[in-house]
C-alpha atoms as a PDB file:
ATOM      1  CA  MET A   1     -14.680 -16.493  12.621  1.00  0.00           C
ATOM      2  CA  PRO A   2     -17.880 -18.010  12.582  1.00  0.00           C
ATOM      3  CA  THR A   3     -18.609 -20.922  10.208  1.00  0.00           C
ATOM      4  CA  VAL A   4     -19.993 -19.387   7.050  1.00  0.00           C
ATOM      5  CA  ILE A   5     -22.065 -22.232   5.068  1.00  0.00           C
ATOM      6  CA  ASN A   6     -20.321 -22.313   1.199  1.00  0.00           C
ATOM      7  CA  GLN A   7     -17.287 -20.104   2.785  1.00  0.00           C
ATOM      8  CA  PRO A   8     -14.668 -19.678  -0.036  1.00  0.00           C
ATOM      9  CA  LEU A   9     -11.263 -20.187   0.879  1.00  0.00           C
ATOM     10  CA  ILE A  10     -10.171 -16.384  -0.058  1.00  0.00           C
ATOM     11  CA  SER A  11     -12.028 -13.283  -0.581  1.00  0.00           C
ATOM     12  CA  VAL A  12     -10.276 -10.778  -3.302  1.00  0.00           C
ATOM     13  CA  ILE A  13     -11.792  -7.260  -3.625  1.00  0.00           C
ATOM     14  CA  ILE A  14     -11.564  -5.142  -6.389  1.00  0.00           C
ATOM     15  CA  PRO A  15     -12.382  -1.444  -5.564  1.00  0.00           C
ATOM     16  CA  ALA A  16     -13.540   0.037  -9.072  1.00  0.00           C
ATOM     17  CA  TYR A  17     -13.622   3.956 -10.455  1.00  0.00           C
ATOM     18  CA  ASN A  18     -13.636   4.398 -13.971  1.00  0.00           C
ATOM     19  CA  HIS A  19     -11.027   1.779 -15.469  1.00  0.00           C
ATOM     20  CA  GLU A  20     -12.594   0.374 -18.558  1.00  0.00           C
ATOM     21  CA  LYS A  21      -9.301  -0.256 -19.497  1.00  0.00           C
ATOM     22  CA  PHE A  22      -8.301  -2.301 -17.047  1.00  0.00           C
ATOM     23  CA  ILE A  23     -11.127  -3.729 -15.314  1.00  0.00           C
ATOM     24  CA  GLY A  24     -10.620  -6.428 -17.359  1.00  0.00           C
ATOM     25  CA  ALA A  25      -7.262  -7.851 -16.822  1.00  0.00           C
ATOM     26  CA  ALA A  26      -7.737  -6.796 -13.266  1.00  0.00           C
ATOM     27  CA  ILE A  27     -10.961  -9.821 -13.269  1.00  0.00           C
ATOM     28  CA  ASP A  28      -9.020 -12.106 -15.245  1.00  0.00           C
ATOM     29  CA  SER A  29      -5.931 -12.827 -13.342  1.00  0.00           C
ATOM     30  CA  VAL A  30      -8.589 -13.147 -10.558  1.00  0.00           C
ATOM     31  CA  LEU A  31     -10.742 -15.630 -11.741  1.00  0.00           C
ATOM     32  CA  LYS A  32      -7.718 -17.575 -13.514  1.00  0.00           C
ATOM     33  CA  GLN A  33      -5.835 -18.147 -10.333  1.00  0.00           C
ATOM     34  CA  THR A  34      -4.086 -21.889  -9.898  1.00  0.00           C
ATOM     35  CA  VAL A  35      -6.099 -21.789  -6.390  1.00  0.00           C
ATOM     36  CA  SER A  36      -9.856 -21.609  -7.850  1.00  0.00           C
ATOM     37  CA  ASP A  37     -11.212 -21.651  -4.462  1.00  0.00           C
ATOM     38  CA  LEU A  38     -12.333 -18.449  -3.857  1.00  0.00           C
ATOM     39  CA  GLU A  39     -14.942 -15.314  -4.469  1.00  0.00           C
ATOM     40  CA  LEU A  40     -14.045 -12.089  -5.634  1.00  0.00           C
ATOM     41  CA  ILE A  41     -16.563  -8.620  -5.207  1.00  0.00           C
ATOM     42  CA  VAL A  42     -15.817  -5.913  -7.098  1.00  0.00           C
ATOM     43  CA  ILE A  43     -17.230  -2.476  -5.776  1.00  0.00           C
ATOM     44  CA  ASP A  44     -17.482  -0.080  -7.976  1.00  0.00           C
ATOM     45  CA  ASP A  45     -17.484   3.380  -6.972  1.00  0.00           C
ATOM     46  CA  GLY A  46     -19.331   5.025  -9.044  1.00  0.00           C
ATOM     47  CA  SER A  47     -18.103   4.887 -12.381  1.00  0.00           C
ATOM     48  CA  THR A  48     -19.230   7.191 -15.446  1.00  0.00           C
ATOM     49  CA  ASP A  49     -17.927   5.127 -18.157  1.00  0.00           C
ATOM     50  CA  SER A  50     -17.908   1.508 -19.127  1.00  0.00           C
ATOM     51  CA  THR A  51     -16.242  -0.286 -16.327  1.00  0.00           C
ATOM     52  CA  GLY A  52     -20.019  -1.963 -14.966  1.00  0.00           C
ATOM     53  CA  ALA A  53     -20.982  -3.317 -17.687  1.00  0.00           C
ATOM     54  CA  ILE A  54     -17.586  -5.084 -18.440  1.00  0.00           C
ATOM     55  CA  VAL A  55     -17.921  -6.494 -14.813  1.00  0.00           C
ATOM     56  CA  LYS A  56     -21.117  -7.840 -15.054  1.00  0.00           C
ATOM     57  CA  GLY A  57     -20.075  -9.180 -18.537  1.00  0.00           C
ATOM     58  CA  TYR A  58     -18.782 -11.601 -16.365  1.00  0.00           C
ATOM     59  CA  THR A  59     -21.131 -14.894 -15.576  1.00  0.00           C
ATOM     60  CA  ASP A  60     -18.729 -16.337 -13.195  1.00  0.00           C
ATOM     61  CA  SER A  61     -20.519 -17.103 -10.254  1.00  0.00           C
ATOM     62  CA  ARG A  62     -17.495 -16.269  -7.967  1.00  0.00           C
ATOM     63  CA  LEU A  63     -17.990 -12.664  -8.995  1.00  0.00           C
ATOM     64  CA  SER A  64     -20.502 -10.131  -7.171  1.00  0.00           C
ATOM     65  CA  TYR A  65     -21.096  -7.100  -8.429  1.00  0.00           C
ATOM     66  CA  TYR A  66     -21.619  -4.151  -6.684  1.00  0.00           C
ATOM     67  CA  PHE A  67     -22.388  -0.382  -7.370  1.00  0.00           C
ATOM     68  CA  GLN A  68     -22.063   2.595  -5.052  1.00  0.00           C
ATOM     69  CA  GLU A  69     -22.192   6.537  -5.284  1.00  0.00           C
ATOM     70  CA  ASN A  70     -18.761   8.048  -5.400  1.00  0.00           C
ATOM     71  CA  LYS A  71     -17.059   7.307  -1.475  1.00  0.00           C
ATOM     72  CA  ASP A  72     -13.561   7.450  -2.599  1.00  0.00           C
ATOM     73  CA  ALA A  73     -11.475   3.817  -2.424  1.00  0.00           C
ATOM     74  CA  TYR A  74     -10.449   3.234   1.528  1.00  0.00           C
ATOM     75  CA  ASN A  75     -14.649   3.224   1.818  1.00  0.00           C
ATOM     76  CA  THR A  76     -14.823   1.122  -1.126  1.00  0.00           C
ATOM     77  CA  ILE A  77     -12.159  -1.147   0.294  1.00  0.00           C
ATOM     78  CA  ASN A  78     -14.246  -0.793   3.639  1.00  0.00           C
ATOM     79  CA  ARG A  79     -17.688  -1.958   1.978  1.00  0.00           C
ATOM     80  CA  GLY A  80     -15.482  -5.162   0.383  1.00  0.00           C
ATOM     81  CA  LEU A  81     -14.008  -6.507   3.903  1.00  0.00           C
ATOM     82  CA  SER A  82     -17.673  -6.446   5.515  1.00  0.00           C
ATOM     83  CA  LEU A  83     -18.912  -8.400   2.422  1.00  0.00           C
ATOM     84  CA  ALA A  84     -16.155 -10.815   2.605  1.00  0.00           C
ATOM     85  CA  LYS A  85     -17.234 -14.593   3.982  1.00  0.00           C
ATOM     86  CA  GLY A  86     -13.799 -16.335   2.702  1.00  0.00           C
ATOM     87  CA  GLN A  87     -10.737 -17.727   5.312  1.00  0.00           C
ATOM     88  CA  TYR A  88      -7.854 -14.787   3.874  1.00  0.00           C
ATOM     89  CA  VAL A  89      -8.748 -11.659   1.599  1.00  0.00           C
ATOM     90  CA  ALA A  90      -6.872 -10.038  -0.759  1.00  0.00           C
ATOM     91  CA  ILE A  91      -7.580  -6.556  -2.795  1.00  0.00           C
ATOM     92  CA  LEU A  92      -6.780  -5.499  -6.092  1.00  0.00           C
ATOM     93  CA  ASN A  93      -6.883  -2.113  -7.406  1.00  0.00           C
ATOM     94  CA  SER A  94      -8.243  -1.944 -10.676  1.00  0.00           C
ATOM     95  CA  ASP A  95      -5.883  -1.278 -12.920  1.00  0.00           C
ATOM     96  CA  ASP A  96      -3.717  -3.988 -11.642  1.00  0.00           C
ATOM     97  CA  VAL A  97      -2.953  -7.864 -12.629  1.00  0.00           C
ATOM     98  CA  TYR A  98      -2.072 -10.803 -10.324  1.00  0.00           C
ATOM     99  CA  THR A  99       0.280 -12.871 -11.678  1.00  0.00           C
ATOM    100  CA  LEU A 100      -1.680 -16.026 -11.953  1.00  0.00           C
ATOM    101  CA  ASP A 101       0.087 -18.116  -9.646  1.00  0.00           C
ATOM    102  CA  ARG A 102      -0.420 -15.148  -7.250  1.00  0.00           C
ATOM    103  CA  LEU A 103      -2.859 -16.584  -4.289  1.00  0.00           C
ATOM    104  CA  GLU A 104      -1.592 -19.878  -4.525  1.00  0.00           C
ATOM    105  CA  LYS A 105       1.877 -18.535  -3.439  1.00  0.00           C
ATOM    106  CA  LEU A 106       0.922 -16.492  -0.827  1.00  0.00           C
ATOM    107  CA  LEU A 107      -1.794 -18.694   0.350  1.00  0.00           C
ATOM    108  CA  ARG A 108       0.842 -21.601   1.189  1.00  0.00           C
ATOM    109  CA  HIS A 109       3.226 -18.943   3.142  1.00  0.00           C
ATOM    110  CA  CYS A 110       0.738 -18.151   5.364  1.00  0.00           C
ATOM    111  CA  GLN A 111      -0.225 -21.785   5.906  1.00  0.00           C
ATOM    112  CA  GLU A 112       3.375 -22.859   6.161  1.00  0.00           C
ATOM    113  CA  GLU A 113       4.935 -19.639   7.684  1.00  0.00           C
ATOM    114  CA  LYS A 114       1.608 -19.376  10.205  1.00  0.00           C
ATOM    115  CA  ALA A 115       2.321 -15.877   9.165  1.00  0.00           C
ATOM    116  CA  GLU A 116      -0.955 -13.282   9.337  1.00  0.00           C
ATOM    117  CA  CYS A 117      -0.164 -10.802   6.777  1.00  0.00           C
ATOM    118  CA  VAL A 118       2.106 -10.993   3.527  1.00  0.00           C
ATOM    119  CA  PHE A 119       3.057  -9.237   0.588  1.00  0.00           C
ATOM    120  CA  SER A 120       5.520  -9.636  -2.312  1.00  0.00           C
ATOM    121  CA  ASP A 121       8.082  -7.532  -4.185  1.00  0.00           C
ATOM    122  CA  VAL A 122       6.344  -6.258  -7.654  1.00  0.00           C
ATOM    123  CA  VAL A 123       6.738  -5.556 -11.733  1.00  0.00           C
ATOM    124  CA  PRO A 124       6.261  -1.741 -12.496  1.00  0.00           C
ATOM    125  CA  ILE A 125       4.114  -1.230 -15.490  1.00  0.00           C
ATOM    126  CA  SER A 126       2.490   1.235 -17.956  1.00  0.00           C
ATOM    127  CA  ASP A 127      -0.104   2.010 -19.202  1.00  0.00           C
ATOM    128  CA  THR A 128      -0.133  -0.118 -22.050  1.00  0.00           C
ATOM    129  CA  GLY A 129       0.830  -2.782 -19.668  1.00  0.00           C
ATOM    130  CA  GLU A 130       4.772  -2.659 -20.890  1.00  0.00           C
ATOM    131  CA  VAL A 131       7.196  -3.025 -18.359  1.00  0.00           C
ATOM    132  CA  PHE A 132       9.541  -0.649 -16.373  1.00  0.00           C
ATOM    133  CA  GLY A 133      12.301  -2.219 -16.406  1.00  0.00           C
ATOM    134  CA  ASP A 134      15.221   0.545 -16.770  1.00  0.00           C
ATOM    135  CA  PRO A 135      17.210   0.308 -13.359  1.00  0.00           C
ATOM    136  CA  GLU A 136      17.503   4.754 -13.611  1.00  0.00           C
ATOM    137  CA  TYR A 137      13.784   5.091 -13.796  1.00  0.00           C
ATOM    138  CA  GLY A 138      12.621   7.201 -10.849  1.00  0.00           C
ATOM    139  CA  TRP A 139       9.910   4.564  -9.369  1.00  0.00           C
ATOM    140  CA  ASN A 140      12.775   1.821  -9.240  1.00  0.00           C
ATOM    141  CA  ILE A 141      15.537   4.311  -7.577  1.00  0.00           C
ATOM    142  CA  TRP A 142      12.818   4.789  -5.244  1.00  0.00           C
ATOM    143  CA  HIS A 143      11.695   1.021  -4.828  1.00  0.00           C
ATOM    144  CA  LEU A 144      15.147  -0.208  -4.492  1.00  0.00           C
ATOM    145  CA  ARG A 145      16.320   2.632  -2.048  1.00  0.00           C
ATOM    146  CA  ASN A 146      13.360   0.940   0.096  1.00  0.00           C
ATOM    147  CA  ARG A 147      14.262  -2.689  -0.742  1.00  0.00           C
ATOM    148  CA  ASN A 148      17.905  -2.099  -0.011  1.00  0.00           C
ATOM    149  CA  TYR A 149      17.426  -0.803   3.056  1.00  0.00           C
ATOM    150  CA  TYR A 150      14.628  -3.114   5.063  1.00  0.00           C
ATOM    151  CA  PHE A 151      17.823  -5.736   3.583  1.00  0.00           C
ATOM    152  CA  ALA A 152      20.727  -3.516   5.385  1.00  0.00           C
ATOM    153  CA  CYS A 153      18.169  -3.296   8.899  1.00  0.00           C
ATOM    154  CA  ASP A 154      16.541  -6.654   8.974  1.00  0.00           C
ATOM    155  CA  ASP A 155      13.835  -5.115  11.083  1.00  0.00           C
ATOM    156  CA  ILE A 156       9.918  -4.715   9.110  1.00  0.00           C
ATOM    157  CA  PHE A 157       8.818  -1.966  10.828  1.00  0.00           C
ATOM    158  CA  ARG A 158      11.810  -0.271  10.676  1.00  0.00           C
ATOM    159  CA  ALA A 159      12.183  -0.248   7.215  1.00  0.00           C
ATOM    160  CA  PHE A 160       8.456   0.554   7.034  1.00  0.00           C
ATOM    161  CA  LEU A 161       9.310   4.158   8.257  1.00  0.00           C
ATOM    162  CA  LYS A 162      12.167   4.235   6.193  1.00  0.00           C
ATOM    163  CA  GLY A 163       9.542   4.143   2.723  1.00  0.00           C
ATOM    164  CA  ASN A 164       6.464   2.549   1.988  1.00  0.00           C
ATOM    165  CA  PHE A 165       7.936  -0.717  -0.084  1.00  0.00           C
ATOM    166  CA  MET A 166       5.003  -2.792  -0.138  1.00  0.00           C
ATOM    167  CA  VAL A 167       3.835   0.240  -2.464  1.00  0.00           C
ATOM    168  CA  THR A 168       0.216  -0.486  -2.945  1.00  0.00           C
ATOM    169  CA  THR A 169      -3.554  -1.672  -1.078  1.00  0.00           C
ATOM    170  CA  SER A 170      -3.150  -4.386  -4.192  1.00  0.00           C
ATOM    171  CA  ASN A 171      -0.380  -5.796  -2.372  1.00  0.00           C
ATOM    172  CA  LEU A 172      -2.005  -7.012   0.848  1.00  0.00           C
ATOM    173  CA  PHE A 173      -3.110 -10.795   1.133  1.00  0.00           C
ATOM    174  CA  MET A 174      -4.509 -11.697   5.141  1.00  0.00           C
ATOM    175  CA  THR A 175      -5.998 -14.077   7.029  1.00  0.00           C
ATOM    176  CA  ALA A 176      -9.423 -12.601   8.043  1.00  0.00           C
ATOM    177  CA  THR A 177      -9.139 -12.539  11.471  1.00  0.00           C
ATOM    178  CA  ALA A 178      -6.254 -10.626  10.997  1.00  0.00           C
ATOM    179  CA  MET A 179      -8.739  -7.913   9.049  1.00  0.00           C
ATOM    180  CA  GLN A 180     -11.052  -7.780  11.368  1.00  0.00           C
ATOM    181  CA  ALA A 181      -8.216  -7.523  14.569  1.00  0.00           C
ATOM    182  CA  VAL A 182      -6.942  -4.511  12.449  1.00  0.00           C
ATOM    183  CA  GLY A 183     -10.343  -3.015  11.130  1.00  0.00           C
ATOM    184  CA  ASN A 184     -11.404  -0.300   8.322  1.00  0.00           C
ATOM    185  CA  PHE A 185      -8.876   1.189   6.863  1.00  0.00           C
ATOM    186  CA  CYS A 186      -8.660   4.854   7.815  1.00  0.00           C
ATOM    187  CA  SER A 187      -9.822   7.647   5.733  1.00  0.00           C
ATOM    188  CA  LEU A 188      -6.349   8.695   4.682  1.00  0.00           C
ATOM    189  CA  ARG A 189      -6.939   9.543   0.429  1.00  0.00           C
ATOM    190  CA  TYR A 190      -3.633   8.598  -0.826  1.00  0.00           C
ATOM    191  CA  LEU A 191      -1.754   6.485   2.069  1.00  0.00           C
ATOM    192  CA  HIS A 192      -4.786   4.219   3.432  1.00  0.00           C
ATOM    193  CA  ASP A 193      -2.738   1.628   3.107  1.00  0.00           C
ATOM    194  CA  TYR A 194       0.425   2.587   4.516  1.00  0.00           C
ATOM    195  CA  ASP A 195      -1.354   2.727   7.711  1.00  0.00           C
ATOM    196  CA  TYR A 196      -3.025  -0.232   7.380  1.00  0.00           C
ATOM    197  CA  ILE A 197       0.171  -1.806   7.060  1.00  0.00           C
ATOM    198  CA  PHE A 198       1.874  -0.589  10.302  1.00  0.00           C
ATOM    199  CA  ARG A 199      -1.289  -1.138  12.227  1.00  0.00           C
ATOM    200  CA  MET A 200      -0.744  -4.828  11.401  1.00  0.00           C
ATOM    201  CA  MET A 201       2.284  -4.714  11.893  1.00  0.00           C
ATOM    202  CA  LEU A 202       1.175  -3.510  16.175  1.00  0.00           C
ATOM    203  CA  ALA A 203      -1.217  -5.835  15.808  1.00  0.00           C
ATOM    204  CA  PHE A 204       0.447  -9.189  15.025  1.00  0.00           C
ATOM    205  CA  PRO A 205       4.135  -8.643  15.739  1.00  0.00           C
ATOM    206  CA  GLY A 206       6.350 -10.963  13.963  1.00  0.00           C
ATOM    207  CA  GLY A 207       3.739 -11.979  11.611  1.00  0.00           C
ATOM    208  CA  VAL A 208       3.829  -9.071   8.314  1.00  0.00           C
ATOM    209  CA  HIS A 209       6.059 -10.805   6.384  1.00  0.00           C
ATOM    210  CA  TYR A 210       7.657  -9.681   2.708  1.00  0.00           C
ATOM    211  CA  LEU A 211       8.387 -12.500   0.452  1.00  0.00           C
ATOM    212  CA  ASP A 212      10.992 -10.398  -1.636  1.00  0.00           C
ATOM    213  CA  ASN A 213      12.369 -12.653  -3.958  1.00  0.00           C
ATOM    214  CA  GLU A 214       9.291 -13.307  -5.337  1.00  0.00           C
ATOM    215  CA  LYS A 215       7.677 -10.983  -7.885  1.00  0.00           C
ATOM    216  CA  LEU A 216       3.478 -11.523  -8.155  1.00  0.00           C
ATOM    217  CA  LEU A 217       2.132  -8.214  -8.499  1.00  0.00           C
ATOM    218  CA  TYR A 218       1.842  -5.711 -11.272  1.00  0.00           C
ATOM    219  CA  TYR A 219       1.690  -2.457 -10.381  1.00  0.00           C
ATOM    220  CA  ARG A 220       0.597   0.629 -12.624  1.00  0.00           C
ATOM    221  CA  ILE A 221       1.926   3.685 -12.930  1.00  0.00           C
ATOM    222  CA  HIS A 222      -0.256   5.653 -15.443  1.00  0.00           C
ATOM    223  CA  SER A 223       2.019   8.199 -17.650  1.00  0.00           C
ATOM    224  CA  GLY A 224      -0.614  10.463 -16.766  1.00  0.00           C
ATOM    225  CA  ASN A 225       0.172  11.145 -13.703  1.00  0.00           C
ATOM    226  CA  THR A 226       1.810  14.956 -12.537  1.00  0.00           C
ATOM    227  CA  LEU A 227       3.267  16.699  -9.711  1.00  0.00           C
ATOM    228  CA  GLY A 228       0.206  18.483  -8.470  1.00  0.00           C
ATOM    229  CA  GLU A 229      -2.038  19.776  -5.012  1.00  0.00           C
ATOM    230  CA  ALA A 230      -1.872  15.577  -4.635  1.00  0.00           C
ATOM    231  CA  ALA A 231       1.863  15.541  -4.143  1.00  0.00           C
ATOM    232  CA  ILE A 232       1.774  17.637  -1.469  1.00  0.00           C
ATOM    233  CA  THR A 233      -1.057  16.475   0.937  1.00  0.00           C
ATOM    234  CA  GLY A 234       0.018  13.056   0.030  1.00  0.00           C
ATOM    235  CA  ARG A 235       3.528  13.866   1.960  1.00  0.00           C
ATOM    236  CA  GLU A 236       1.702  15.643   4.708  1.00  0.00           C
ATOM    237  CA  GLN A 237       0.332  12.894   5.434  1.00  0.00           C
ATOM    238  CA  ASP A 238       3.515  10.870   5.086  1.00  0.00           C
ATOM    239  CA  GLN A 239       5.114  13.132   7.590  1.00  0.00           C
ATOM    240  CA  ALA A 240       2.364  12.563   9.715  1.00  0.00           C
ATOM    241  CA  LEU A 241       2.036   8.912   9.937  1.00  0.00           C
ATOM    242  CA  ILE A 242       5.950   8.293  10.524  1.00  0.00           C
ATOM    243  CA  MET A 243       6.031  10.626  13.428  1.00  0.00           C
ATOM    244  CA  LYS A 244       2.652   8.761  14.239  1.00  0.00           C
ATOM    245  CA  TYR A 245       4.338   4.937  14.128  1.00  0.00           C
ATOM    246  CA  MET A 246       7.868   5.787  15.330  1.00  0.00           C
ATOM    247  CA  ALA A 247       6.539   7.005  18.499  1.00  0.00           C
ATOM    248  CA  ALA A 248       4.427   4.002  18.504  1.00  0.00           C
ATOM    249  CA  LYS A 249       7.362   1.954  18.627  1.00  0.00           C
ATOM    250  CA  MET A 250       8.831   3.626  22.063  1.00  0.00           C
ATOM    251  CA  PRO A 251       8.281   3.568  25.682  1.00  0.00           C
ATOM    252  CA  GLU A 252       4.980   5.368  26.504  1.00  0.00           C
ATOM    253  CA  GLU A 253       6.956   8.291  28.332  1.00  0.00           C
ATOM    254  CA  LEU A 254       9.259   9.063  25.660  1.00  0.00           C
ATOM    255  CA  ARG A 255       6.725   9.484  23.141  1.00  0.00           C
ATOM    256  CA  MET A 256       6.006  13.600  23.552  1.00  0.00           C
ATOM    257  CA  TYR A 257       9.784  14.159  23.366  1.00  0.00           C
ATOM    258  CA  VAL A 258       9.054  11.875  19.867  1.00  0.00           C
ATOM    259  CA  ALA A 259       6.824  14.196  18.456  1.00  0.00           C
ATOM    260  CA  ALA A 260       8.167  17.349  19.238  1.00  0.00           C
ATOM    261  CA  GLY A 261      11.518  16.791  18.261  1.00  0.00           C
ATOM    262  CA  ALA A 262      10.449  15.611  14.553  1.00  0.00           C
ATOM    263  CA  GLU A 263       7.654  18.194  14.212  1.00  0.00           C
ATOM    264  CA  ARG A 264      10.312  20.899  14.689  1.00  0.00           C
ATOM    265  CA  LEU A 265      12.766  18.772  12.416  1.00  0.00           C
ATOM    266  CA  ILE A 266       9.772  19.126  10.522  1.00  0.00           C
ATOM    267  CA  GLU A 267       9.477  23.422  10.348  1.00  0.00           C
ATOM    268  CA  LEU A 268      13.897  23.013   9.909  1.00  0.00           C
ATOM    269  CA  GLY A 269      13.479  21.802   7.085  1.00  0.00           C
ATOM    270  CA  ASN A 270      10.345  23.911   5.022  1.00  0.00           C
ATOM    271  CA  GLU A 271      13.116  27.058   6.602  1.00  0.00           C
ATOM    272  CA  LEU A 272      15.623  25.840   5.143  1.00  0.00           C
ATOM    273  CA  HIS A 273      14.123  25.114   2.150  1.00  0.00           C
ATOM    274  CA  GLU A 274      13.088  28.619   2.174  1.00  0.00           C
ATOM    275  CA  VAL A 275      16.605  30.091   2.946  1.00  0.00           C
ATOM    276  CA  ARG A 276      17.720  28.315   0.381  1.00  0.00           C
ATOM    277  CA  LEU A 277      15.622  29.636  -2.262  1.00  0.00           C
ATOM    278  CA  VAL A 278      16.543  33.381  -1.197  1.00  0.00           C
ATOM    279  CA  LEU A 279      20.119  33.134  -0.685  1.00  0.00           C
ATOM    280  CA  ALA A 280      21.006  30.460  -3.937  1.00  0.00           C
ATOM    281  CA  PRO A 281      17.561  31.085  -6.353  1.00  0.00           C
ATOM    282  CA  GLU A 282      19.694  30.289  -9.295  1.00  0.00           C
ATOM    283  CA  ARG A 283      20.652  26.627  -7.439  1.00  0.00           C
ATOM    284  CA  PRO A 284      17.772  23.522  -8.247  1.00  0.00           C
ATOM    285  CA  GLN A 285      15.719  23.032  -5.152  1.00  0.00           C
ATOM    286  CA  GLY A 286      12.190  20.832  -4.475  1.00  0.00           C
ATOM    287  CA  VAL A 287      11.288  18.088  -3.208  1.00  0.00           C
ATOM    288  CA  LYS A 288      14.001  15.435  -3.240  1.00  0.00           C
ATOM    289  CA  PRO A 289      16.750  18.405  -1.451  1.00  0.00           C
ATOM    290  CA  ALA A 290      14.288  19.234   1.268  1.00  0.00           C
ATOM    291  CA  MET A 291      13.687  15.990   2.166  1.00  0.00           C
ATOM    292  CA  LYS A 292      17.427  14.544   2.035  1.00  0.00           C
ATOM    293  CA  ASN A 293      18.116  18.022   4.123  1.00  0.00           C
ATOM    294  CA  LEU A 294      15.390  16.618   6.882  1.00  0.00           C
ATOM    295  CA  ALA A 295      16.108  13.046   6.125  1.00  0.00           C
ATOM    296  CA  LEU A 296      20.089  13.858   7.349  1.00  0.00           C
ATOM    297  CA  SER A 297      18.741  16.217  10.574  1.00  0.00           C
ATOM    298  CA  LEU A 298      16.370  13.378  12.173  1.00  0.00           C
ATOM    299  CA  LYS A 299      18.791  10.657  12.213  1.00  0.00           C
ATOM    300  CA  GLY A 300      21.849  12.392  13.624  1.00  0.00           C
ATOM    301  CA  TRP A 301      18.563  13.941  16.355  1.00  0.00           C
ATOM    302  CA  MET A 302      16.994   9.948  16.836  1.00  0.00           C
ATOM    303  CA  LYS A 303      21.066   9.084  17.535  1.00  0.00           C
ATOM    304  CA  LYS A 304      21.856  11.651  20.006  1.00  0.00           C
ATOM    305  CA  LYS A 305      18.748  10.051  21.470  1.00  0.00           C
ATOM    306  CA  ILE A 306      19.676   6.665  21.845  1.00  0.00           C
ATOM    307  CA  HIS A 307      22.918   7.136  22.762  1.00  0.00           C
END
């Protein structure tokens, strides 16, 4: 990376959209970091509330504010990446919050372990900042399952095929060299972070590290979220990503077989779900039973292929 005059050690990018309730806490969590050698780039993606006014109320010279017409999260992040001057690059969504020692700990790990990208565990919080600590809370069950799989298999790429335990773009911390090598975020509305971490792992085998014993990010789960069209689109994107990156780890000559078999298993999962609804409509059905059947089918199919 070329030398930049007055180059900050770390660039933090905040893509912001209509988060007047949360943007102040996000900014404070960056500017009050124990590592002070940083720049904070806030890209306002066409907010119609007072998000912009709140950001412009800060006088810290390390903060830069940019406004644009609404272009969606991945484009907003990409603009931030193009403006970043730091040796390291981090992202923070405008409703999430860093612990005040996050950057110090991630930076130290990168420098000591020669990692290109590192992320930590997270703490789920509500709109009001309440920690969701109940182990029976749905999100906690999902996240623990993904973590347990990671510990059991001890293979970070394989574990990500099972589930996105990085959780969010807010959890990314990487070298500028790695950011430039991997390139921009893709245009997937809901899973651009998931796609990005797969590309990072392929570009830098062994260079992506998970600080599984450190909770350095407060991840906000909004109470207003409901199961709707986004849940369908997100899962369709998830299916495509899993197929793509599962094939990417296979020898070239096997990839067409993996793709064909995975596509058929997805079709079978949908067909089984429809048949069960017809034959036993009184039984509870939904996303979880269908996905469980698909996962079991795929697991059995892969064992046969491997053996």
